[in-house]
Amino acid sequence: MTDNVQQKIIIRFRRIEGQIRGLEKLLENDAPRMEVLTQVSAVTQAVKSAGAEVIKLYLEQCLLETACKSDEERSLKMKEFQSALTRYINMA
């Protein structure tokens, strides 16, 4: 992962962290529950979006790492990627 791409993902996660802190304040200030749920939905979407970006980068990494490898090594890497993708899909 290039430093630039990694930094963009880190910035996304910091923004999500800020959204979570905002949710805490909403609850502490007894905000309307509909407002809280709207913000929970926004955080959930932000996490999904960041996760999709990480999955995309992971796929690119797997393809690059296995380009000149044996069929067995490619198969193992594919299973590893499939496992990660399944965990992500189950989270979403």
PDB file of N, CA and C in Angstrom:
ATOM      1  N   MET A   1       0.858  -1.168   0.000  1.00  0.00           N
ATOM      2  CA  MET A   1       0.000   0.000   0.000  1.00  0.00           C
ATOM      3  C   MET A   1       0.902   1.227   0.000  1.00  0.00           C
ATOM      4  N   THR A   2       0.635   2.126  -0.922  1.00  0.00           N
ATOM      5  CA  THR A   2       1.456   3.327  -0.988  1.00  0.00           C
ATOM      6  C   THR A   2       1.170   4.220   0.217  1.00  0.00           C
ATOM      7  N   ASP A   3       2.146   5.033   0.564  1.00  0.00           N
ATOM      8  CA  ASP A   3       1.989   5.924   1.717  1.00  0.00           C
ATOM      9  C   ASP A   3       0.806   6.856   1.542  1.00  0.00           C
ATOM     10  N   ASN A   4       0.591   7.347   0.311  1.00  0.00           N
ATOM     11  CA  ASN A   4      -0.509   8.271   0.041  1.00  0.00           C
ATOM     12  C   ASN A   4      -1.858   7.598   0.271  1.00  0.00           C
ATOM     13  N   VAL A   5      -2.017   6.385  -0.251  1.00  0.00           N
ATOM     14  CA  VAL A   5      -3.275   5.658  -0.090  1.00  0.00           C
ATOM     15  C   VAL A   5      -3.482   5.313   1.382  1.00  0.00           C
ATOM     16  N   GLN A   6      -2.426   4.861   2.027  1.00  0.00           N
ATOM     17  CA  GLN A   6      -2.521   4.521   3.444  1.00  0.00           C
ATOM     18  C   GLN A   6      -2.922   5.748   4.256  1.00  0.00           C
ATOM     19  N   GLN A   7      -2.355   6.895   3.957  1.00  0.00           N
ATOM     20  CA  GLN A   7      -2.689   8.118   4.681  1.00  0.00           C
ATOM     21  C   GLN A   7      -4.158   8.495   4.476  1.00  0.00           C
ATOM     22  N   LYS A   8      -4.672   8.311   3.273  1.00  0.00           N
ATOM     23  CA  LYS A   8      -6.087   8.615   3.009  1.00  0.00           C
ATOM     24  C   LYS A   8      -7.000   7.720   3.837  1.00  0.00           C
ATOM     25  N   ILE A   9      -6.633   6.456   3.960  1.00  0.00           N
ATOM     26  CA  ILE A   9      -7.442   5.535   4.764  1.00  0.00           C
ATOM     27  C   ILE A   9      -7.360   5.908   6.240  1.00  0.00           C
ATOM     28  N   ILE A  10      -6.183   6.278   6.697  1.00  0.00           N
ATOM     29  CA  ILE A  10      -6.031   6.712   8.087  1.00  0.00           C
ATOM     30  C   ILE A  10      -6.898   7.938   8.353  1.00  0.00           C
ATOM     31  N   ILE A  11      -6.925   8.867   7.420  1.00  0.00           N
ATOM     32  CA  ILE A  11      -7.761  10.066   7.569  1.00  0.00           C
ATOM     33  C   ILE A  11      -9.235   9.672   7.657  1.00  0.00           C
ATOM     34  N   ARG A  12      -9.650   8.704   6.836  1.00  0.00           N
ATOM     35  CA  ARG A  12     -11.042   8.225   6.904  1.00  0.00           C
ATOM     36  C   ARG A  12     -11.359   7.681   8.289  1.00  0.00           C
ATOM     37  N   PHE A  13     -10.441   6.864   8.830  1.00  0.00           N
ATOM     38  CA  PHE A  13     -10.689   6.280  10.147  1.00  0.00           C
ATOM     39  C   PHE A  13     -10.684   7.342  11.241  1.00  0.00           C
ATOM     40  N   ARG A  14      -9.883   8.360  11.104  1.00  0.00           N
ATOM     41  CA  ARG A  14      -9.903   9.459  12.086  1.00  0.00           C
ATOM     42  C   ARG A  14     -11.220  10.221  12.018  1.00  0.00           C
ATOM     43  N   ARG A  15     -11.742  10.383  10.811  1.00  0.00           N
ATOM     44  CA  ARG A  15     -13.041  11.039  10.650  1.00  0.00           C
ATOM     45  C   ARG A  15     -14.135  10.192  11.319  1.00  0.00           C
ATOM     46  N   ILE A  16     -14.053   8.887  11.134  1.00  0.00           N
ATOM     47  CA  ILE A  16     -15.015   7.978  11.767  1.00  0.00           C
ATOM     48  C   ILE A  16     -14.895   8.070  13.284  1.00  0.00           C
ATOM     49  N   GLU A  17     -13.665   8.141  13.767  1.00  0.00           N
ATOM     50  CA  GLU A  17     -13.435   8.292  15.202  1.00  0.00           C
ATOM     51  C   GLU A  17     -14.128   9.560  15.717  1.00  0.00           C
ATOM     52  N   GLY A  18     -14.045  10.634  14.954  1.00  0.00           N
ATOM     53  CA  GLY A  18     -14.716  11.874  15.329  1.00  0.00           C
ATOM     54  C   GLY A  18     -16.228  11.716  15.334  1.00  0.00           C
ATOM     55  N   GLN A  19     -16.738  10.965  14.367  1.00  0.00           N
ATOM     56  CA  GLN A  19     -18.182  10.719  14.328  1.00  0.00           C
ATOM     57  C   GLN A  19     -18.628   9.936  15.573  1.00  0.00           C
ATOM     58  N   ILE A  20     -17.816   8.984  15.983  1.00  0.00           N
ATOM     59  CA  ILE A  20     -18.142   8.196  17.180  1.00  0.00           C
ATOM     60  C   ILE A  20     -18.155   9.095  18.416  1.00  0.00           C
ATOM     61  N   ARG A  21     -17.176   9.984  18.521  1.00  0.00           N
ATOM     62  CA  ARG A  21     -17.161  10.929  19.650  1.00  0.00           C
ATOM     63  C   ARG A  21     -18.409  11.815  19.613  1.00  0.00           C
ATOM     64  N   GLY A  22     -18.829  12.193  18.409  1.00  0.00           N
ATOM     65  CA  GLY A  22     -20.047  12.975  18.267  1.00  0.00           C
ATOM     66  C   GLY A  22     -21.271  12.206  18.746  1.00  0.00           C
ATOM     67  N   LEU A  23     -21.292  10.906  18.470  1.00  0.00           N
ATOM     68  CA  LEU A  23     -22.396  10.071  18.959  1.00  0.00           C
ATOM     69  C   LEU A  23     -22.429  10.040  20.485  1.00  0.00           C
ATOM     70  N   GLU A  24     -21.267   9.934  21.091  1.00  0.00           N
ATOM     71  CA  GLU A  24     -21.193   9.950  22.552  1.00  0.00           C
ATOM     72  C   GLU A  24     -21.792  11.240  23.101  1.00  0.00           C
ATOM     73  N   LYS A  25     -21.434  12.357  22.497  1.00  0.00           N
ATOM     74  CA  LYS A  25     -21.950  13.658  22.961  1.00  0.00           C
ATOM     75  C   LYS A  25     -23.453  13.764  22.765  1.00  0.00           C
ATOM     76  N   LEU A  26     -23.946  13.233  21.631  1.00  0.00           N
ATOM     77  CA  LEU A  26     -25.389  13.244  21.415  1.00  0.00           C
ATOM     78  C   LEU A  26     -26.106  12.520  22.545  1.00  0.00           C
ATOM     79  N   LEU A  27     -25.584  11.356  22.916  1.00  0.00           N
ATOM     80  CA  LEU A  27     -26.218  10.590  23.990  1.00  0.00           C
ATOM     81  C   LEU A  27     -26.072  11.293  25.333  1.00  0.00           C
ATOM     82  N   GLU A  28     -24.901  11.842  25.593  1.00  0.00           N
ATOM     83  CA  GLU A  28     -24.689  12.559  26.854  1.00  0.00           C
ATOM     84  C   GLU A  28     -25.627  13.757  26.973  1.00  0.00           C
ATOM     85  N   ASN A  29     -25.937  14.394  25.835  1.00  0.00           N
ATOM     86  CA  ASN A  29     -26.806  15.571  25.827  1.00  0.00           C
ATOM     87  C   ASN A  29     -28.267  15.215  25.604  1.00  0.00           C
ATOM     88  N   ASP A  30     -28.565  13.914  25.690  1.00  0.00           N
ATOM     89  CA  ASP A  30     -29.943  13.428  25.559  1.00  0.00           C
ATOM     90  C   ASP A  30     -30.599  13.905  24.261  1.00  0.00           C
ATOM     91  N   ALA A  31     -29.869  13.789  23.165  1.00  0.00           N
ATOM     92  CA  ALA A  31     -30.381  14.190  21.853  1.00  0.00           C
ATOM     93  C   ALA A  31     -31.536  13.264  21.444  1.00  0.00           C
ATOM     94  N   PRO A  32     -32.389  13.744  20.557  1.00  0.00           N
ATOM     95  CA  PRO A  32     -33.474  12.887  20.069  1.00  0.00           C
ATOM     96  C   PRO A  32     -32.912  11.583  19.481  1.00  0.00           C
ATOM     97  N   ARG A  33     -33.548  10.475  19.790  1.00  0.00           N
ATOM     98  CA  ARG A  33     -33.055   9.167  19.366  1.00  0.00           C
ATOM     99  C   ARG A  33     -32.991   9.041  17.850  1.00  0.00           C
ATOM    100  N   MET A  34     -33.877   9.707  17.151  1.00  0.00           N
ATOM    101  CA  MET A  34     -33.841   9.664  15.693  1.00  0.00           C
ATOM    102  C   MET A  34     -32.542  10.286  15.178  1.00  0.00           C
ATOM    103  N   GLU A  35     -32.103  11.353  15.806  1.00  0.00           N
ATOM    104  CA  GLU A  35     -30.833  11.995  15.432  1.00  0.00           C
ATOM    105  C   GLU A  35     -29.660  11.055  15.701  1.00  0.00           C
ATOM    106  N   VAL A  36     -29.712  10.360  16.839  1.00  0.00           N
ATOM    107  CA  VAL A  36     -28.660   9.399  17.182  1.00  0.00           C
ATOM    108  C   VAL A  36     -28.623   8.283  16.140  1.00  0.00           C
ATOM    109  N   LEU A  37     -29.773   7.750  15.802  1.00  0.00           N
ATOM    110  CA  LEU A  37     -29.832   6.665  14.816  1.00  0.00           C
ATOM    111  C   LEU A  37     -29.351   7.122  13.436  1.00  0.00           C
ATOM    112  N   THR A  38     -29.653   8.346  13.082  1.00  0.00           N
ATOM    113  CA  THR A  38     -29.169   8.885  11.810  1.00  0.00           C
ATOM    114  C   THR A  38     -27.645   8.920  11.801  1.00  0.00           C
ATOM    115  N   GLN A  39     -27.058   9.326  12.918  1.00  0.00           N
ATOM    116  CA  GLN A  39     -25.603   9.383  13.005  1.00  0.00           C
ATOM    117  C   GLN A  39     -24.985   7.980  13.059  1.00  0.00           C
ATOM    118  N   VAL A  40     -25.666   7.048  13.703  1.00  0.00           N
ATOM    119  CA  VAL A  40     -25.196   5.661  13.711  1.00  0.00           C
ATOM    120  C   VAL A  40     -25.166   5.134  12.276  1.00  0.00           C
ATOM    121  N   SER A  41     -26.180   5.446  11.524  1.00  0.00           N
ATOM    122  CA  SER A  41     -26.240   5.031  10.120  1.00  0.00           C
ATOM    123  C   SER A  41     -25.091   5.642   9.323  1.00  0.00           C
ATOM    124  N   ALA A  42     -24.789   6.897   9.564  1.00  0.00           N
ATOM    125  CA  ALA A  42     -23.688   7.572   8.865  1.00  0.00           C
ATOM    126  C   ALA A  42     -22.346   6.915   9.204  1.00  0.00           C
ATOM    127  N   VAL A  43     -22.152   6.582  10.480  1.00  0.00           N
ATOM    128  CA  VAL A  43     -20.906   5.927  10.902  1.00  0.00           C
ATOM    129  C   VAL A  43     -20.801   4.551  10.252  1.00  0.00           C
ATOM    130  N   THR A  44     -21.896   3.826  10.250  1.00  0.00           N
ATOM    131  CA  THR A  44     -21.904   2.488   9.647  1.00  0.00           C
ATOM    132  C   THR A  44     -21.520   2.562   8.174  1.00  0.00           C
ATOM    133  N   GLN A  45     -22.085   3.503   7.459  1.00  0.00           N
ATOM    134  CA  GLN A  45     -21.764   3.659   6.039  1.00  0.00           C
ATOM    135  C   GLN A  45     -20.309   4.063   5.845  1.00  0.00           C
ATOM    136  N   ALA A  46     -19.808   4.915   6.705  1.00  0.00           N
ATOM    137  CA  ALA A  46     -18.406   5.341   6.603  1.00  0.00           C
ATOM    138  C   ALA A  46     -17.466   4.154   6.832  1.00  0.00           C
ATOM    139  N   VAL A  47     -17.787   3.300   7.795  1.00  0.00           N
ATOM    140  CA  VAL A  47     -16.964   2.118   8.065  1.00  0.00           C
ATOM    141  C   VAL A  47     -17.014   1.160   6.883  1.00  0.00           C
ATOM    142  N   LYS A  48     -18.204   0.952   6.325  1.00  0.00           N
ATOM    143  CA  LYS A  48     -18.339   0.078   5.152  1.00  0.00           C
ATOM    144  C   LYS A  48     -17.522   0.607   3.982  1.00  0.00           C
ATOM    145  N   SER A  49     -17.580   1.889   3.765  1.00  0.00           N
ATOM    146  CA  SER A  49     -16.847   2.512   2.666  1.00  0.00           C
ATOM    147  C   SER A  49     -15.338   2.360   2.852  1.00  0.00           C
ATOM    148  N   ALA A  50     -14.870   2.598   4.059  1.00  0.00           N
ATOM    149  CA  ALA A  50     -13.438   2.440   4.340  1.00  0.00           C
ATOM    150  C   ALA A  50     -13.025   0.977   4.187  1.00  0.00           C
ATOM    151  N   GLY A  51     -13.858   0.071   4.652  1.00  0.00           N
ATOM    152  CA  GLY A  51     -13.581  -1.352   4.515  1.00  0.00           C
ATOM    153  C   GLY A  51     -13.504  -1.775   3.058  1.00  0.00           C
ATOM    154  N   ALA A  52     -14.398  -1.251   2.234  1.00  0.00           N
ATOM    155  CA  ALA A  52     -14.379  -1.569   0.805  1.00  0.00           C
ATOM    156  C   ALA A  52     -13.077  -1.105   0.163  1.00  0.00           C
ATOM    157  N   GLU A  53     -12.577   0.036   0.596  1.00  0.00           N
ATOM    158  CA  GLU A  53     -11.311   0.542   0.064  1.00  0.00           C
ATOM    159  C   GLU A  53     -10.152  -0.366   0.480  1.00  0.00           C
ATOM    160  N   VAL A  54     -10.167  -0.823   1.720  1.00  0.00           N
ATOM    161  CA  VAL A  54      -9.121  -1.726   2.188  1.00  0.00           C
ATOM    162  C   VAL A  54      -9.189  -3.053   1.424  1.00  0.00           C
ATOM    163  N   ILE A  55     -10.397  -3.569   1.202  1.00  0.00           N
ATOM    164  CA  ILE A  55     -10.568  -4.816   0.431  1.00  0.00           C
ATOM    165  C   ILE A  55     -10.005  -4.641  -0.974  1.00  0.00           C
ATOM    166  N   LYS A  56     -10.307  -3.522  -1.604  1.00  0.00           N
ATOM    167  CA  LYS A  56      -9.804  -3.255  -2.957  1.00  0.00           C
ATOM    168  C   LYS A  56      -8.271  -3.276  -2.983  1.00  0.00           C
ATOM    169  N   LEU A  57      -7.674  -2.609  -2.016  1.00  0.00           N
ATOM    170  CA  LEU A  57      -6.215  -2.570  -1.941  1.00  0.00           C
ATOM    171  C   LEU A  57      -5.630  -3.947  -1.641  1.00  0.00           C
ATOM    172  N   TYR A  58      -6.317  -4.705  -0.802  1.00  0.00           N
ATOM    173  CA  TYR A  58      -5.855  -6.047  -0.460  1.00  0.00           C
ATOM    174  C   TYR A  58      -5.885  -6.942  -1.701  1.00  0.00           C
ATOM    175  N   LEU A  59      -6.918  -6.827  -2.507  1.00  0.00           N
ATOM    176  CA  LEU A  59      -6.998  -7.603  -3.743  1.00  0.00           C
ATOM    177  C   LEU A  59      -5.836  -7.247  -4.666  1.00  0.00           C
ATOM    178  N   GLU A  60      -5.588  -5.969  -4.830  1.00  0.00           N
ATOM    179  CA  GLU A  60      -4.465  -5.537  -5.669  1.00  0.00           C
ATOM    180  C   GLU A  60      -3.150  -6.107  -5.144  1.00  0.00           C
ATOM    181  N   GLN A  61      -2.971  -6.076  -3.828  1.00  0.00           N
ATOM    182  CA  GLN A  61      -1.763  -6.614  -3.208  1.00  0.00           C
ATOM    183  C   GLN A  61      -1.640  -8.111  -3.478  1.00  0.00           C
ATOM    184  N   CYS A  62      -2.732  -8.837  -3.313  1.00  0.00           N
ATOM    185  CA  CYS A  62      -2.710 -10.284  -3.552  1.00  0.00           C
ATOM    186  C   CYS A  62      -2.352 -10.599  -4.998  1.00  0.00           C
ATOM    187  N   LEU A  63      -2.924  -9.844  -5.929  1.00  0.00           N
ATOM    188  CA  LEU A  63      -2.635 -10.082  -7.345  1.00  0.00           C
ATOM    189  C   LEU A  63      -1.171  -9.794  -7.660  1.00  0.00           C
ATOM    190  N   LEU A  64      -0.654  -8.717  -7.113  1.00  0.00           N
ATOM    191  CA  LEU A  64       0.755  -8.377  -7.353  1.00  0.00           C
ATOM    192  C   LEU A  64       1.701  -9.410  -6.745  1.00  0.00           C
ATOM    193  N   GLU A  65       1.380  -9.835  -5.532  1.00  0.00           N
ATOM    194  CA  GLU A  65       2.254 -10.785  -4.842  1.00  0.00           C
ATOM    195  C   GLU A  65       2.285 -12.160  -5.502  1.00  0.00           C
ATOM    196  N   THR A  66       1.219 -12.520  -6.197  1.00  0.00           N
ATOM    197  CA  THR A  66       1.136 -13.875  -6.749  1.00  0.00           C
ATOM    198  C   THR A  66       1.328 -13.926  -8.255  1.00  0.00           C
ATOM    199  N   ALA A  67       1.645 -12.808  -8.870  1.00  0.00           N
ATOM    200  CA  ALA A  67       1.760 -12.760 -10.336  1.00  0.00           C
ATOM    201  C   ALA A  67       2.744 -13.785 -10.877  1.00  0.00           C
ATOM    202  N   CYS A  68       3.850 -13.989 -10.218  1.00  0.00           N
ATOM    203  CA  CYS A  68       4.885 -14.908 -10.707  1.00  0.00           C
ATOM    204  C   CYS A  68       5.010 -16.136  -9.811  1.00  0.00           C
ATOM    205  N   LYS A  69       3.987 -16.447  -9.078  1.00  0.00           N
ATOM    206  CA  LYS A  69       4.042 -17.571  -8.139  1.00  0.00           C
ATOM    207  C   LYS A  69       3.430 -18.827  -8.765  1.00  0.00           C
ATOM    208  N   SER A  70       3.604 -19.918  -8.079  1.00  0.00           N
ATOM    209  CA  SER A  70       3.053 -21.196  -8.545  1.00  0.00           C
ATOM    210  C   SER A  70       1.534 -21.205  -8.360  1.00  0.00           C
ATOM    211  N   ASP A  71       0.890 -22.151  -9.006  1.00  0.00           N
ATOM    212  CA  ASP A  71      -0.560 -22.291  -8.872  1.00  0.00           C
ATOM    213  C   ASP A  71      -0.956 -22.537  -7.415  1.00  0.00           C
ATOM    214  N   GLU A  72      -0.153 -23.322  -6.725  1.00  0.00           N
ATOM    215  CA  GLU A  72      -0.439 -23.629  -5.324  1.00  0.00           C
ATOM    216  C   GLU A  72      -0.364 -22.362  -4.464  1.00  0.00           C
ATOM    217  N   GLU A  73       0.645 -21.558  -4.670  1.00  0.00           N
ATOM    218  CA  GLU A  73       0.788 -20.311  -3.905  1.00  0.00           C
ATOM    219  C   GLU A  73      -0.343 -19.333  -4.230  1.00  0.00           C
ATOM    220  N   ARG A  74      -0.717 -19.245  -5.501  1.00  0.00           N
ATOM    221  CA  ARG A  74      -1.836 -18.381  -5.888  1.00  0.00           C
ATOM    222  C   ARG A  74      -3.134 -18.857  -5.247  1.00  0.00           C
ATOM    223  N   SER A  75      -3.324 -20.164  -5.224  1.00  0.00           N
ATOM    224  CA  SER A  75      -4.528 -20.736  -4.621  1.00  0.00           C
ATOM    225  C   SER A  75      -4.599 -20.418  -3.132  1.00  0.00           C
ATOM    226  N   LEU A  76      -3.489 -20.542  -2.436  1.00  0.00           N
ATOM    227  CA  LEU A  76      -3.459 -20.215  -1.007  1.00  0.00           C
ATOM    228  C   LEU A  76      -3.776 -18.742  -0.766  1.00  0.00           C
ATOM    229  N   LYS A  77      -3.190 -17.874  -1.586  1.00  0.00           N
ATOM    230  CA  LYS A  77      -3.440 -16.437  -1.441  1.00  0.00           C
ATOM    231  C   LYS A  77      -4.901 -16.114  -1.755  1.00  0.00           C
ATOM    232  N   MET A  78      -5.470 -16.793  -2.750  1.00  0.00           N
ATOM    233  CA  MET A  78      -6.877 -16.579  -3.104  1.00  0.00           C
ATOM    234  C   MET A  78      -7.779 -16.986  -1.935  1.00  0.00           C
ATOM    235  N   LYS A  79      -7.475 -18.103  -1.299  1.00  0.00           N
ATOM    236  CA  LYS A  79      -8.265 -18.543  -0.145  1.00  0.00           C
ATOM    237  C   LYS A  79      -8.151 -17.534   0.999  1.00  0.00           C
ATOM    238  N   GLU A  80      -6.960 -17.006   1.202  1.00  0.00           N
ATOM    239  CA  GLU A  80      -6.750 -15.990   2.232  1.00  0.00           C
ATOM    240  C   GLU A  80      -7.604 -14.755   1.942  1.00  0.00           C
ATOM    241  N   PHE A  81      -7.592 -14.318   0.680  1.00  0.00           N
ATOM    242  CA  PHE A  81      -8.392 -13.151   0.295  1.00  0.00           C
ATOM    243  C   PHE A  81      -9.878 -13.440   0.451  1.00  0.00           C
ATOM    244  N   GLN A  82     -10.311 -14.620   0.025  1.00  0.00           N
ATOM    245  CA  GLN A  82     -11.722 -14.984   0.130  1.00  0.00           C
ATOM    246  C   GLN A  82     -12.176 -14.977   1.586  1.00  0.00           C
ATOM    247  N   SER A  83     -11.318 -15.445   2.471  1.00  0.00           N
ATOM    248  CA  SER A  83     -11.636 -15.442   3.892  1.00  0.00           C
ATOM    249  C   SER A  83     -11.814 -14.011   4.406  1.00  0.00           C
ATOM    250  N   ALA A  84     -10.910 -13.136   4.024  1.00  0.00           N
ATOM    251  CA  ALA A  84     -11.009 -11.729   4.437  1.00  0.00           C
ATOM    252  C   ALA A  84     -12.270 -11.089   3.875  1.00  0.00           C
ATOM    253  N   LEU A  85     -12.569 -11.380   2.614  1.00  0.00           N
ATOM    254  CA  LEU A  85     -13.766 -10.811   1.979  1.00  0.00           C
ATOM    255  C   LEU A  85     -15.029 -11.322   2.662  1.00  0.00           C
ATOM    256  N   THR A  86     -15.052 -12.595   3.002  1.00  0.00           N
ATOM    257  CA  THR A  86     -16.211 -13.161   3.686  1.00  0.00           C
ATOM    258  C   THR A  86     -16.427 -12.483   5.034  1.00  0.00           C
ATOM    259  N   ARG A  87     -15.348 -12.281   5.788  1.00  0.00           N
ATOM    260  CA  ARG A  87     -15.481 -11.582   7.082  1.00  0.00           C
ATOM    261  C   ARG A  87     -16.042 -10.180   6.880  1.00  0.00           C
ATOM    262  N   TYR A  88     -15.571  -9.491   5.843  1.00  0.00           N
ATOM    263  CA  TYR A  88     -16.050  -8.141   5.578  1.00  0.00           C
ATOM    264  C   TYR A  88     -17.525  -8.154   5.198  1.00  0.00           C
ATOM    265  N   ILE A  89     -17.916  -9.070   4.325  1.00  0.00           N
ATOM    266  CA  ILE A  89     -19.313  -9.145   3.894  1.00  0.00           C
ATOM    267  C   ILE A  89     -20.223  -9.479   5.064  1.00  0.00           C
ATOM    268  N   ASN A  90     -19.790 -10.386   5.923  1.00  0.00           N
ATOM    269  CA  ASN A  90     -20.592 -10.743   7.094  1.00  0.00           C
ATOM    270  C   ASN A  90     -20.741  -9.565   8.047  1.00  0.00           C
ATOM    271  N   MET A  91     -19.731  -8.693   8.106  1.00  0.00           N
ATOM    272  CA  MET A  91     -19.811  -7.495   8.943  1.00  0.00           C
ATOM    273  C   MET A  91     -20.808  -6.507   8.342  1.00  0.00           C
ATOM    274  N   ALA A  92     -20.781  -6.411   7.035  1.00  0.00           N
ATOM    275  CA  ALA A  92     -21.643  -5.439   6.357  1.00  0.00           C
ATOM    276  C   ALA A  92     -23.068  -5.927   6.397  1.00  0.00           C
TER     277      ALA A  92
END
